[in-house]
N, C-alpha and C. Protein backbone atom coordinates (compact mmCIF):
# COMPACT_ATOMS: atom_id res chain seq x y z
N MET A 1 0.88 -1.11 0.01
CA MET A 1 -0.06 0.10 -0.02
C MET A 1 0.93 1.23 0.06
N SER A 2 0.62 2.24 -0.80
CA SER A 2 1.40 3.36 -0.84
C SER A 2 0.80 4.58 -0.17
N GLY A 3 1.70 5.49 0.30
CA GLY A 3 1.34 6.56 1.04
C GLY A 3 1.42 7.82 0.25
N VAL A 4 1.75 8.91 0.74
CA VAL A 4 2.06 10.21 -0.06
C VAL A 4 3.26 10.00 -0.73
N GLY A 5 3.22 10.45 -1.98
CA GLY A 5 4.47 10.33 -2.92
C GLY A 5 4.95 9.04 -3.31
N GLY A 6 4.08 7.96 -3.25
CA GLY A 6 4.44 6.71 -3.51
C GLY A 6 5.22 5.92 -2.40
N ALA A 7 5.51 6.51 -1.20
CA ALA A 7 6.08 5.81 -0.06
C ALA A 7 5.11 4.75 0.44
N ARG A 8 5.85 3.72 1.00
CA ARG A 8 5.05 2.58 1.56
C ARG A 8 4.56 3.00 2.90
N THR A 9 3.40 2.60 3.15
CA THR A 9 2.67 2.77 4.43
C THR A 9 3.12 1.64 5.40
N PRO A 10 3.61 2.17 6.56
CA PRO A 10 4.21 1.04 7.50
C PRO A 10 3.18 0.01 7.76
N ALA A 11 3.68 -1.25 8.07
CA ALA A 11 2.69 -2.35 8.43
C ALA A 11 1.96 -2.06 9.58
N SER A 12 2.50 -1.32 10.55
CA SER A 12 1.81 -0.97 11.89
C SER A 12 0.42 -0.19 11.50
N VAL A 13 0.49 0.57 10.63
CA VAL A 13 -0.70 1.48 10.23
C VAL A 13 -1.57 0.60 9.49
N GLN A 14 -1.15 -0.26 8.63
CA GLN A 14 -1.96 -1.26 7.96
C GLN A 14 -2.86 -2.20 8.76
N SER A 15 -2.20 -2.68 9.87
CA SER A 15 -2.87 -3.55 10.68
C SER A 15 -4.00 -3.13 11.48
N ASP A 16 -4.09 -1.75 11.55
CA ASP A 16 -5.25 -1.17 12.33
C ASP A 16 -6.54 -0.95 11.55
N ARG A 17 -6.51 -1.24 10.24
CA ARG A 17 -7.58 -1.21 9.42
C ARG A 17 -8.11 -2.54 8.75
N LEU A 18 -9.35 -2.66 8.49
CA LEU A 18 -9.75 -3.77 7.69
C LEU A 18 -9.17 -3.66 6.22
N PRO A 19 -9.03 -4.79 5.73
CA PRO A 19 -8.40 -4.85 4.39
C PRO A 19 -9.16 -4.12 3.30
N VAL A 20 -10.40 -4.17 3.36
CA VAL A 20 -11.34 -3.53 2.33
C VAL A 20 -12.20 -2.69 3.07
N ASP A 21 -12.28 -1.25 2.60
CA ASP A 21 -13.20 -0.27 3.14
C ASP A 21 -14.49 -0.75 2.82
N ARG A 22 -15.46 -0.70 3.77
CA ARG A 22 -16.94 -1.01 3.59
C ARG A 22 -17.75 0.06 4.13
N PRO A 23 -18.89 0.34 3.69
CA PRO A 23 -19.80 1.29 4.30
C PRO A 23 -20.11 0.91 5.77
N GLU A 24 -20.37 1.95 6.50
CA GLU A 24 -20.58 1.62 7.95
C GLU A 24 -21.93 1.37 8.30
N ASP A 25 -22.90 1.94 7.55
CA ASP A 25 -24.33 2.10 7.98
C ASP A 25 -24.97 0.67 7.44
N CYS A 26 -25.89 0.18 8.15
CA CYS A 26 -26.39 -1.04 7.81
C CYS A 26 -27.27 -1.07 6.58
N ILE A 27 -27.93 0.07 6.24
CA ILE A 27 -28.75 -0.11 5.05
C ILE A 27 -27.83 -0.09 3.67
N SER A 28 -26.83 0.67 3.81
CA SER A 28 -25.84 0.52 2.54
C SER A 28 -25.30 -0.91 2.46
N ARG A 29 -24.81 -1.38 3.66
CA ARG A 29 -24.34 -2.81 3.49
C ARG A 29 -25.22 -3.86 3.16
N THR A 30 -26.52 -3.68 3.52
CA THR A 30 -27.57 -4.68 3.13
C THR A 30 -27.89 -4.39 1.81
N LEU A 31 -28.16 -3.21 1.17
CA LEU A 31 -28.25 -3.08 -0.10
C LEU A 31 -27.18 -3.50 -1.11
N THR A 32 -26.01 -3.24 -0.66
CA THR A 32 -24.72 -3.68 -1.37
C THR A 32 -24.81 -5.24 -1.51
N ALA A 33 -25.07 -5.92 -0.38
CA ALA A 33 -25.22 -7.41 -0.34
C ALA A 33 -26.38 -8.02 -1.19
N VAL A 34 -27.51 -7.30 -1.19
CA VAL A 34 -28.64 -7.89 -1.96
C VAL A 34 -28.28 -7.52 -3.47
N GLY A 35 -27.75 -6.38 -3.77
CA GLY A 35 -27.40 -6.11 -5.26
C GLY A 35 -26.37 -7.03 -5.70
N THR A 36 -25.39 -7.25 -4.90
CA THR A 36 -24.26 -8.18 -5.42
C THR A 36 -24.95 -9.63 -5.49
N GLY A 37 -25.73 -10.02 -4.54
CA GLY A 37 -26.44 -11.21 -4.76
C GLY A 37 -27.30 -11.39 -6.05
N LEU A 38 -28.07 -10.34 -6.24
CA LEU A 38 -28.91 -10.30 -7.44
C LEU A 38 -27.90 -10.58 -8.69
N VAL A 39 -26.88 -9.78 -8.88
CA VAL A 39 -25.92 -10.02 -10.05
C VAL A 39 -25.35 -11.25 -10.16
N ALA A 40 -24.71 -11.73 -8.92
CA ALA A 40 -23.88 -13.04 -8.98
C ALA A 40 -25.01 -14.17 -9.20
N GLY A 41 -26.14 -14.18 -8.61
CA GLY A 41 -27.08 -15.09 -8.72
C GLY A 41 -27.66 -15.15 -10.25
N GLY A 42 -27.85 -14.10 -10.77
CA GLY A 42 -28.23 -13.95 -12.15
C GLY A 42 -27.22 -14.70 -13.12
N ILE A 43 -25.97 -14.35 -13.00
CA ILE A 43 -24.86 -14.96 -13.62
C ILE A 43 -24.92 -16.50 -13.40
N MET A 44 -25.02 -16.80 -12.13
CA MET A 44 -24.94 -18.30 -11.93
C MET A 44 -26.08 -18.94 -12.59
N GLY A 45 -27.24 -18.28 -12.47
CA GLY A 45 -28.53 -18.89 -13.14
C GLY A 45 -28.30 -19.13 -14.54
N ALA A 46 -27.67 -18.16 -15.28
CA ALA A 46 -27.42 -18.13 -16.68
C ALA A 46 -26.66 -19.34 -17.13
N VAL A 47 -25.53 -19.45 -16.37
CA VAL A 47 -24.59 -20.56 -16.51
C VAL A 47 -25.31 -21.96 -16.22
N THR A 48 -26.01 -22.04 -15.31
CA THR A 48 -26.77 -23.28 -14.94
C THR A 48 -27.73 -23.52 -16.02
N ALA A 49 -28.51 -22.46 -16.45
CA ALA A 49 -29.50 -22.81 -17.52
C ALA A 49 -28.81 -23.22 -18.82
N ASN A 50 -27.68 -22.71 -19.13
CA ASN A 50 -27.05 -22.95 -20.36
C ASN A 50 -26.44 -24.45 -20.26
N TRP A 51 -26.02 -24.91 -19.06
CA TRP A 51 -25.44 -26.17 -19.01
C TRP A 51 -26.59 -27.27 -18.91
N SER A 52 -27.89 -26.95 -18.34
CA SER A 52 -28.71 -27.95 -18.20
C SER A 52 -29.38 -28.29 -19.56
N ASN A 53 -30.17 -29.52 -19.43
CA ASN A 53 -30.83 -29.92 -20.61
C ASN A 53 -32.13 -29.13 -20.78
N VAL A 54 -32.38 -28.68 -21.84
CA VAL A 54 -33.57 -27.90 -22.19
C VAL A 54 -34.68 -28.97 -22.40
N PRO A 55 -35.83 -28.82 -21.77
CA PRO A 55 -36.91 -29.93 -22.01
C PRO A 55 -37.26 -29.84 -23.36
N PRO A 56 -37.58 -31.17 -23.92
CA PRO A 56 -37.92 -31.41 -25.26
C PRO A 56 -38.91 -30.49 -25.85
N VAL A 57 -39.95 -30.18 -25.06
CA VAL A 57 -40.96 -29.14 -25.50
C VAL A 57 -40.53 -27.88 -25.92
N LEU A 58 -39.32 -27.28 -25.36
CA LEU A 58 -38.83 -26.06 -25.61
C LEU A 58 -37.87 -26.02 -26.71
N ARG A 59 -37.35 -27.17 -27.12
CA ARG A 59 -36.19 -27.14 -28.10
C ARG A 59 -36.80 -26.54 -29.43
N ASP A 60 -35.97 -25.86 -30.14
CA ASP A 60 -36.27 -25.20 -31.36
C ASP A 60 -37.42 -24.33 -31.37
N ARG A 61 -37.62 -23.77 -30.00
CA ARG A 61 -38.64 -22.66 -29.90
C ARG A 61 -37.85 -21.61 -29.10
N PRO A 62 -37.50 -20.56 -29.61
CA PRO A 62 -36.75 -19.54 -28.83
C PRO A 62 -37.30 -18.86 -27.72
N TRP A 63 -38.54 -18.54 -27.88
CA TRP A 63 -39.17 -17.67 -26.73
C TRP A 63 -39.35 -18.57 -25.53
N PRO A 64 -39.97 -19.79 -25.58
CA PRO A 64 -40.19 -20.51 -24.29
C PRO A 64 -38.93 -20.93 -23.71
N ALA A 65 -37.71 -21.10 -24.53
CA ALA A 65 -36.54 -21.42 -23.96
C ALA A 65 -35.88 -20.29 -23.20
N LEU A 66 -36.06 -19.16 -23.87
CA LEU A 66 -35.54 -17.89 -23.24
C LEU A 66 -36.32 -17.59 -21.89
N LYS A 67 -37.49 -17.77 -21.87
CA LYS A 67 -38.45 -17.63 -20.74
C LYS A 67 -38.00 -18.52 -19.60
N TYR A 68 -37.70 -19.87 -19.98
CA TYR A 68 -37.10 -20.80 -19.09
C TYR A 68 -35.86 -20.43 -18.47
N THR A 69 -34.85 -19.88 -19.39
CA THR A 69 -33.54 -19.42 -18.94
C THR A 69 -33.70 -18.20 -17.92
N GLY A 70 -34.67 -17.33 -18.22
CA GLY A 70 -35.05 -16.33 -17.29
C GLY A 70 -35.51 -16.66 -15.97
N GLN A 71 -36.43 -17.67 -16.02
CA GLN A 71 -36.94 -18.14 -14.68
C GLN A 71 -35.78 -18.75 -13.76
N ILE A 72 -34.79 -19.44 -14.35
CA ILE A 72 -33.76 -20.17 -13.64
C ILE A 72 -32.85 -18.90 -13.12
N MET A 73 -32.65 -17.89 -14.08
CA MET A 73 -31.70 -16.79 -13.53
C MET A 73 -32.35 -16.02 -12.33
N GLY A 74 -33.65 -15.89 -12.45
CA GLY A 74 -34.56 -15.10 -11.43
C GLY A 74 -34.43 -15.86 -10.12
N SER A 75 -34.63 -17.23 -10.25
CA SER A 75 -34.59 -17.96 -9.00
C SER A 75 -33.27 -18.02 -8.31
N TYR A 76 -32.12 -18.16 -9.04
CA TYR A 76 -30.76 -18.15 -8.51
C TYR A 76 -30.49 -16.77 -7.97
N ALA A 77 -30.94 -15.66 -8.70
CA ALA A 77 -30.75 -14.26 -8.22
C ALA A 77 -31.50 -13.95 -6.92
N ALA A 78 -32.73 -14.56 -6.85
CA ALA A 78 -33.49 -14.27 -5.61
C ALA A 78 -32.86 -15.03 -4.47
N THR A 79 -32.34 -16.23 -4.57
CA THR A 79 -31.72 -17.09 -3.67
C THR A 79 -30.35 -16.30 -3.07
N PHE A 80 -29.59 -15.82 -4.12
CA PHE A 80 -28.23 -15.28 -3.63
C PHE A 80 -28.59 -14.03 -3.00
N ALA A 81 -29.55 -13.21 -3.41
CA ALA A 81 -29.95 -11.89 -2.81
C ALA A 81 -30.39 -12.15 -1.46
N MET A 82 -31.20 -13.22 -1.20
CA MET A 82 -31.80 -13.54 0.13
C MET A 82 -30.59 -13.93 1.08
N VAL A 83 -29.72 -14.62 0.66
CA VAL A 83 -28.63 -15.15 1.38
C VAL A 83 -27.69 -13.94 1.83
N GLY A 84 -27.31 -13.09 0.78
CA GLY A 84 -26.55 -11.89 1.15
C GLY A 84 -27.30 -10.92 1.90
N GLY A 85 -28.47 -10.67 1.75
CA GLY A 85 -29.29 -9.64 2.58
C GLY A 85 -29.35 -10.24 3.93
N THR A 86 -29.60 -11.32 4.17
CA THR A 86 -29.80 -12.14 5.61
C THR A 86 -28.49 -12.05 6.27
N PHE A 87 -27.33 -12.28 5.60
CA PHE A 87 -26.03 -12.21 6.16
C PHE A 87 -25.86 -10.73 6.69
N ALA A 88 -26.00 -9.77 5.76
CA ALA A 88 -25.76 -8.40 6.03
C ALA A 88 -26.62 -7.92 7.18
N ILE A 89 -27.94 -8.33 7.18
CA ILE A 89 -28.76 -7.80 8.18
C ILE A 89 -28.31 -8.24 9.52
N VAL A 90 -28.13 -9.60 9.70
CA VAL A 90 -27.70 -10.18 10.88
C VAL A 90 -26.39 -9.75 11.33
N ASP A 91 -25.47 -9.57 10.56
CA ASP A 91 -24.05 -9.21 10.84
C ASP A 91 -24.30 -7.64 11.47
N CYS A 92 -25.10 -6.87 10.89
CA CYS A 92 -25.27 -5.44 11.37
C CYS A 92 -25.98 -5.47 12.79
N LEU A 93 -26.95 -6.40 12.84
CA LEU A 93 -27.77 -6.35 13.90
C LEU A 93 -26.89 -6.92 15.22
N ALA A 94 -26.06 -7.86 14.96
CA ALA A 94 -25.15 -8.32 15.97
C ALA A 94 -24.22 -7.39 16.33
N GLU A 95 -23.49 -6.61 15.29
CA GLU A 95 -22.70 -5.56 15.59
C GLU A 95 -23.26 -4.60 16.50
N THR A 96 -24.55 -4.16 16.25
CA THR A 96 -25.27 -3.15 17.09
C THR A 96 -25.64 -3.52 18.35
N VAL A 97 -26.13 -4.69 18.52
CA VAL A 97 -26.50 -5.33 19.73
C VAL A 97 -25.37 -5.51 20.65
N ARG A 98 -24.13 -6.08 20.23
CA ARG A 98 -23.15 -6.43 20.93
C ARG A 98 -22.22 -5.16 21.09
N GLY A 99 -22.16 -4.34 20.22
CA GLY A 99 -21.36 -3.11 20.37
C GLY A 99 -19.95 -3.42 20.05
N ARG A 100 -19.69 -4.51 19.19
CA ARG A 100 -18.33 -4.77 18.85
C ARG A 100 -18.29 -5.21 17.44
N LYS A 101 -17.07 -4.94 16.73
CA LYS A 101 -16.81 -5.38 15.33
C LYS A 101 -15.76 -6.57 15.44
N ASP A 102 -16.34 -7.71 15.42
CA ASP A 102 -15.37 -8.86 15.38
C ASP A 102 -15.98 -9.98 14.60
N ALA A 103 -15.21 -11.20 14.60
CA ALA A 103 -15.61 -12.21 13.78
C ALA A 103 -16.86 -12.80 14.11
N TRP A 104 -17.26 -12.64 15.51
CA TRP A 104 -18.52 -13.32 15.93
C TRP A 104 -19.80 -12.78 15.07
N ASN A 105 -19.76 -11.55 14.70
CA ASN A 105 -20.92 -11.01 13.91
C ASN A 105 -21.06 -11.74 12.61
N GLY A 106 -19.94 -11.91 11.99
CA GLY A 106 -19.97 -12.69 10.80
C GLY A 106 -20.41 -14.07 10.96
N ILE A 107 -20.00 -14.77 12.08
CA ILE A 107 -20.38 -16.11 12.29
C ILE A 107 -22.06 -16.25 12.51
N TYR A 108 -22.54 -15.19 13.27
CA TYR A 108 -23.93 -15.16 13.47
C TYR A 108 -24.73 -14.83 12.10
N GLY A 109 -24.14 -14.00 11.30
CA GLY A 109 -24.74 -13.78 10.01
C GLY A 109 -24.60 -14.94 9.12
N GLY A 110 -23.49 -15.75 9.05
CA GLY A 110 -23.35 -16.98 8.31
C GLY A 110 -24.26 -18.10 8.73
N LEU A 111 -24.67 -18.19 10.09
CA LEU A 111 -25.62 -19.09 10.60
C LEU A 111 -26.99 -18.79 10.22
N ALA A 112 -27.28 -17.41 10.08
CA ALA A 112 -28.63 -17.00 9.87
C ALA A 112 -28.82 -17.21 8.42
N ALA A 113 -27.79 -16.84 7.37
CA ALA A 113 -27.99 -16.99 5.95
C ALA A 113 -28.04 -18.29 5.64
N GLY A 114 -27.32 -19.28 6.26
CA GLY A 114 -27.48 -20.77 5.89
C GLY A 114 -28.81 -21.28 6.29
N GLY A 115 -29.30 -20.76 7.40
CA GLY A 115 -30.65 -21.16 7.75
C GLY A 115 -31.70 -20.75 6.89
N ALA A 116 -31.56 -19.47 6.43
CA ALA A 116 -32.51 -18.98 5.33
C ALA A 116 -32.42 -19.78 4.12
N LEU A 117 -31.16 -20.22 3.69
CA LEU A 117 -31.02 -21.03 2.50
C LEU A 117 -31.78 -22.34 2.67
N GLY A 118 -31.73 -22.89 3.93
CA GLY A 118 -32.49 -24.19 4.12
C GLY A 118 -33.87 -24.01 4.08
N VAL A 119 -34.36 -22.87 4.60
CA VAL A 119 -35.89 -22.57 4.62
C VAL A 119 -36.33 -22.39 3.14
N ARG A 120 -35.50 -21.72 2.37
CA ARG A 120 -35.88 -21.41 0.83
C ARG A 120 -35.99 -22.77 0.09
N MET A 121 -34.85 -23.66 0.42
CA MET A 121 -34.98 -24.95 -0.24
C MET A 121 -35.96 -25.90 0.24
N GLY A 122 -36.37 -25.70 1.51
CA GLY A 122 -37.40 -26.63 2.23
C GLY A 122 -36.69 -27.80 2.81
N ARG A 123 -35.47 -27.90 3.05
CA ARG A 123 -34.71 -28.96 3.58
C ARG A 123 -33.85 -28.55 4.72
N VAL A 124 -34.21 -29.11 5.93
CA VAL A 124 -33.37 -28.77 7.17
C VAL A 124 -32.02 -29.17 7.20
N PRO A 125 -31.60 -30.38 6.64
CA PRO A 125 -30.23 -30.86 6.66
C PRO A 125 -29.45 -29.86 5.64
N ILE A 126 -29.92 -29.36 4.59
CA ILE A 126 -29.21 -28.48 3.78
C ILE A 126 -29.05 -27.18 4.51
N GLY A 127 -30.12 -26.72 5.15
CA GLY A 127 -29.88 -25.43 5.97
C GLY A 127 -28.80 -25.60 7.05
N VAL A 128 -28.88 -26.61 7.85
CA VAL A 128 -27.78 -26.78 8.93
C VAL A 128 -26.38 -26.77 8.32
N GLY A 129 -26.32 -27.67 7.25
CA GLY A 129 -24.97 -27.65 6.62
C GLY A 129 -24.43 -26.35 6.11
N ALA A 130 -25.40 -25.69 5.35
CA ALA A 130 -25.13 -24.41 4.89
C ALA A 130 -24.81 -23.34 5.94
N ALA A 131 -25.50 -23.45 7.02
CA ALA A 131 -25.26 -22.56 8.10
C ALA A 131 -23.79 -22.66 8.70
N VAL A 132 -23.48 -23.97 8.98
CA VAL A 132 -22.08 -24.30 9.44
C VAL A 132 -21.03 -23.89 8.40
N ALA A 133 -21.24 -24.16 7.13
CA ALA A 133 -20.27 -23.74 6.24
C ALA A 133 -20.10 -22.26 6.04
N LEU A 134 -21.09 -21.61 5.97
CA LEU A 134 -21.10 -20.22 5.84
C LEU A 134 -20.48 -19.54 7.21
N ALA A 135 -20.91 -20.03 8.23
CA ALA A 135 -20.19 -19.51 9.39
C ALA A 135 -18.80 -19.67 9.64
N ILE A 136 -18.27 -20.91 9.19
CA ILE A 136 -16.82 -21.23 9.21
C ILE A 136 -16.08 -20.37 8.15
N THR A 137 -16.72 -20.17 6.87
CA THR A 137 -16.13 -19.45 5.92
C THR A 137 -16.00 -17.96 6.36
N SER A 138 -17.12 -17.45 6.97
CA SER A 138 -17.02 -16.15 7.56
C SER A 138 -15.96 -15.83 8.48
N ALA A 139 -15.85 -16.79 9.36
CA ALA A 139 -14.86 -16.74 10.52
C ALA A 139 -13.39 -16.81 9.79
N ALA A 140 -13.14 -17.64 8.89
CA ALA A 140 -11.95 -17.70 8.25
C ALA A 140 -11.56 -16.42 7.49
N VAL A 141 -12.56 -15.87 6.75
CA VAL A 141 -12.25 -14.69 6.02
C VAL A 141 -11.87 -13.50 7.06
N ASP A 142 -12.77 -13.48 8.11
CA ASP A 142 -12.49 -12.36 9.10
C ASP A 142 -11.32 -12.39 10.01
N THR A 143 -10.90 -13.66 10.27
CA THR A 143 -9.67 -13.89 11.17
C THR A 143 -8.39 -13.77 10.30
N THR A 144 -8.50 -13.88 8.86
CA THR A 144 -7.28 -13.85 8.18
C THR A 144 -7.26 -12.41 7.43
N GLY A 145 -8.05 -11.58 7.82
CA GLY A 145 -7.93 -10.18 7.16
C GLY A 145 -8.62 -10.07 5.87
N GLY A 146 -9.63 -11.05 5.54
CA GLY A 146 -10.16 -11.05 4.21
C GLY A 146 -9.42 -11.54 3.19
N HIS A 147 -8.29 -12.07 3.33
CA HIS A 147 -7.36 -12.72 2.28
C HIS A 147 -7.28 -14.40 2.24
N LEU A 148 -7.59 -14.92 3.43
CA LEU A 148 -7.55 -16.39 3.57
C LEU A 148 -6.10 -16.99 3.15
N VAL A 149 -5.12 -15.93 3.46
CA VAL A 149 -3.80 -16.32 3.30
C VAL A 149 -3.00 -15.75 4.51
N GLY A 150 -2.26 -16.53 5.14
CA GLY A 150 -1.41 -16.06 6.34
C GLY A 150 -0.18 -15.68 5.87
N ARG A 151 0.78 -15.29 6.86
CA ARG A 151 2.07 -14.82 6.60
C ARG A 151 3.00 -16.05 6.38
N GLY A 152 4.02 -15.86 5.49
CA GLY A 152 4.97 -16.85 5.40
C GLY A 152 4.72 -17.97 4.38
N LEU A 153 3.51 -17.86 3.69
CA LEU A 153 3.23 -18.83 2.61
C LEU A 153 4.07 -18.60 1.36
N VAL A 154 4.02 -17.25 1.12
CA VAL A 154 4.90 -16.88 -0.09
C VAL A 154 5.56 -15.47 0.36
N ASN A 155 6.89 -15.50 0.35
CA ASN A 155 7.75 -14.34 0.89
C ASN A 155 8.38 -13.87 -0.32
N ASP A 156 7.81 -13.00 -1.15
CA ASP A 156 8.57 -12.45 -2.25
C ASP A 156 9.29 -11.01 -1.98
N ASN A 157 9.22 -10.70 -0.68
CA ASN A 157 9.77 -9.39 -0.21
C ASN A 157 9.21 -8.19 -0.84
N ALA A 158 8.25 -8.38 -1.61
CA ALA A 158 7.52 -7.04 -2.36
C ALA A 158 6.08 -6.95 -1.88
N THR A 159 5.44 -8.02 -1.39
CA THR A 159 4.19 -7.88 -0.83
C THR A 159 4.23 -7.40 0.57
N PRO A 160 3.48 -6.28 0.92
CA PRO A 160 3.56 -5.85 2.34
C PRO A 160 2.72 -6.92 3.35
N PRO A 161 3.16 -7.01 4.38
CA PRO A 161 2.44 -7.94 5.38
C PRO A 161 1.11 -7.38 5.61
N HIS A 162 0.11 -8.25 5.93
CA HIS A 162 -1.19 -7.73 6.32
C HIS A 162 -1.59 -8.41 7.54
N ALA A 163 -2.47 -7.81 8.30
CA ALA A 163 -3.03 -8.22 9.61
C ALA A 163 -3.80 -9.57 9.53
N ILE A 164 -3.33 -10.52 10.35
CA ILE A 164 -3.92 -11.81 10.25
C ILE A 164 -5.39 -11.72 10.96
N TYR A 165 -5.50 -11.01 12.04
CA TYR A 165 -6.69 -10.83 12.73
C TYR A 165 -6.92 -9.28 12.71
N PRO A 166 -7.90 -8.80 11.82
CA PRO A 166 -7.93 -7.38 11.50
C PRO A 166 -8.64 -6.48 12.59
N TYR A 167 -9.08 -7.08 13.65
CA TYR A 167 -9.89 -6.30 14.60
C TYR A 167 -8.91 -5.93 15.68
N LYS A 168 -9.23 -4.75 16.33
CA LYS A 168 -8.41 -4.25 17.43
C LYS A 168 -8.88 -5.06 18.72
N THR A 169 -7.89 -5.37 19.53
CA THR A 169 -8.36 -6.12 20.74
C THR A 169 -8.23 -5.29 21.92
């Protein structure tokens, strides 16, 4: 990270900040998560629809096939947006209630988002598995400074060190 005039910022200054600046208010964070979920889900839905077998009734008929693709894209977009929005809302709520910015807020958000995914799919085992997976992933991202790479894995003497645990204690 460069400072004024291209000078490198000391590592002690870098470790006091999160690696990615994000909006502080809950409304912006939630809207960003929902918007990102809509876009990512739409893309994932388009890929899934392209790779799936088109029902025989829709083959060689462009409008029904396009409508079918749009339905799959919409379903994926809604699911991703719901998961992202749930995560952001619960993360913000936990931060507000607890009065702390730490990895636990993301863990609670991951648990809630996974549970919401299970409710959307109508299957409890999927919800439990997704809740645990999202909570573990959120904890891993938060405790490694958002990079999932610790110190010493690659030492090229050009990459500045980053905080492994980005929160102040």
